[in-house]
Amino acid sequence: MPGGDSMMEERMSFLNEVEKRLDLPRGEKARVMAELESHWVEARDELIASGMDATLAEQQAGLRLGTPDDVAARLSAVHNSAT
C-alpha cells in the first residue's frame, strides 16, 4: 500500500501518545490500548469497504477518534469511574 509505512507510523505515534496520557494500571492500560487500536483498524476497514482509498481511510479513522489528549481523558474517566 503506498504510504502504508507512514500511515502505520502515524497510528503508532497516536497510540503511544494516548498510552503516555492514560492513568491506568499497566494490565488494564494494555487491554485498553489493544481495544483502541482495534477500533482504529475497524473504522479504517469499514471506510475502505465503502470505497475510500486506504491511505485516506487510515487518516480518517484517526480523525474520528479525536486527539490523543481527548481520547486519553475519555478513556481514563470511563475506566477510573468503573473501579
Protein backbone atom coordinates (compact mmCIF):
# COMPACT_ATOMS: atom_id res chain seq x y z
CA MET A 1 0.00 0.00 0.00
CA PRO A 2 1.57 3.36 -0.96
CA GLY A 3 2.22 5.40 2.15
CA GLY A 4 1.44 2.35 4.28
CA ASP A 5 4.53 2.68 6.43
CA SER A 6 3.90 6.34 7.17
CA MET A 7 0.26 5.62 7.98
CA MET A 8 1.29 2.83 10.35
CA GLU A 9 3.80 5.21 11.94
CA GLU A 10 1.06 7.82 12.37
CA ARG A 11 -1.21 5.26 14.04
CA MET A 12 1.56 4.02 16.33
CA SER A 13 2.53 7.58 17.25
CA PHE A 14 -1.08 8.38 18.09
CA LEU A 15 -1.43 5.23 20.20
CA ASN A 16 1.85 5.91 22.01
CA GLU A 17 0.69 9.43 22.85
CA VAL A 18 -2.62 8.14 24.21
CA GLU A 19 -0.83 5.47 26.24
CA LYS A 20 1.51 8.05 27.83
CA ARG A 21 -1.50 10.05 28.99
CA LEU A 22 -3.58 7.18 30.37
CA ASP A 23 -3.72 6.98 34.13
CA LEU A 24 -4.48 3.27 34.45
CA PRO A 25 -2.75 0.21 35.92
CA ARG A 26 -0.37 -1.47 33.43
CA GLY A 27 -2.52 -4.52 32.66
CA GLU A 28 -5.67 -2.51 32.20
CA LYS A 29 -3.78 0.04 30.09
CA ALA A 30 -2.56 -2.75 27.78
CA ARG A 31 -6.12 -4.04 27.31
CA VAL A 32 -7.47 -0.55 26.65
CA MET A 33 -4.72 0.17 24.12
CA ALA A 34 -5.37 -3.08 22.26
CA GLU A 35 -9.07 -2.23 22.10
CA LEU A 36 -8.33 1.31 20.90
CA GLU A 37 -6.13 0.04 18.08
CA SER A 38 -8.84 -2.46 17.18
CA HIS A 39 -11.37 0.38 16.90
CA TRP A 40 -8.97 2.30 14.65
CA VAL A 41 -8.48 -0.70 12.36
CA GLU A 42 -12.21 -1.49 12.25
CA ALA A 43 -13.02 2.11 11.30
CA ARG A 44 -10.32 2.07 8.61
CA ASP A 45 -11.56 -1.23 7.20
CA GLU A 46 -15.16 0.00 7.09
CA LEU A 47 -14.07 3.10 5.19
CA ILE A 48 -12.07 1.02 2.72
CA ALA A 49 -15.04 -1.31 2.24
CA SER A 50 -17.18 1.72 1.42
CA GLY A 51 -14.77 2.60 -1.39
CA MET A 52 -12.37 5.02 0.28
CA ASP A 53 -8.68 4.97 -0.62
CA ALA A 54 -6.69 3.04 2.02
CA THR A 55 -4.39 5.95 2.88
CA LEU A 56 -7.28 8.35 3.31
CA ALA A 57 -9.23 5.74 5.27
CA GLU A 58 -6.32 5.36 7.71
CA GLN A 59 -6.21 9.13 8.22
CA GLN A 60 -9.97 9.42 8.62
CA ALA A 61 -10.06 6.59 11.15
CA GLY A 62 -7.61 8.53 13.30
CA LEU A 63 -9.51 11.77 12.96
CA ARG A 64 -12.71 10.06 14.06
CA LEU A 65 -11.09 9.03 17.34
CA GLY A 66 -10.04 12.57 18.28
CA THR A 67 -6.81 13.97 19.67
CA PRO A 68 -4.59 11.84 21.93
CA ASP A 69 -5.39 14.18 24.84
CA ASP A 70 -9.14 13.87 24.34
CA VAL A 71 -9.05 10.10 23.83
CA ALA A 72 -6.86 9.55 26.91
CA ALA A 73 -9.08 11.78 29.05
CA ARG A 74 -12.24 9.97 27.96
CA LEU A 75 -10.72 6.52 28.45
CA SER A 76 -9.23 7.39 31.85
CA ALA A 77 -12.55 8.82 33.03
CA VAL A 78 -14.52 5.78 31.91
CA HIS A 79 -12.11 3.24 33.31
CA ASN A 80 -11.42 5.08 36.57
CA SER A 81 -15.13 5.53 37.27
CA ALA A 82 -15.72 1.83 36.70
CA THR A 83 -13.34 0.85 39.51
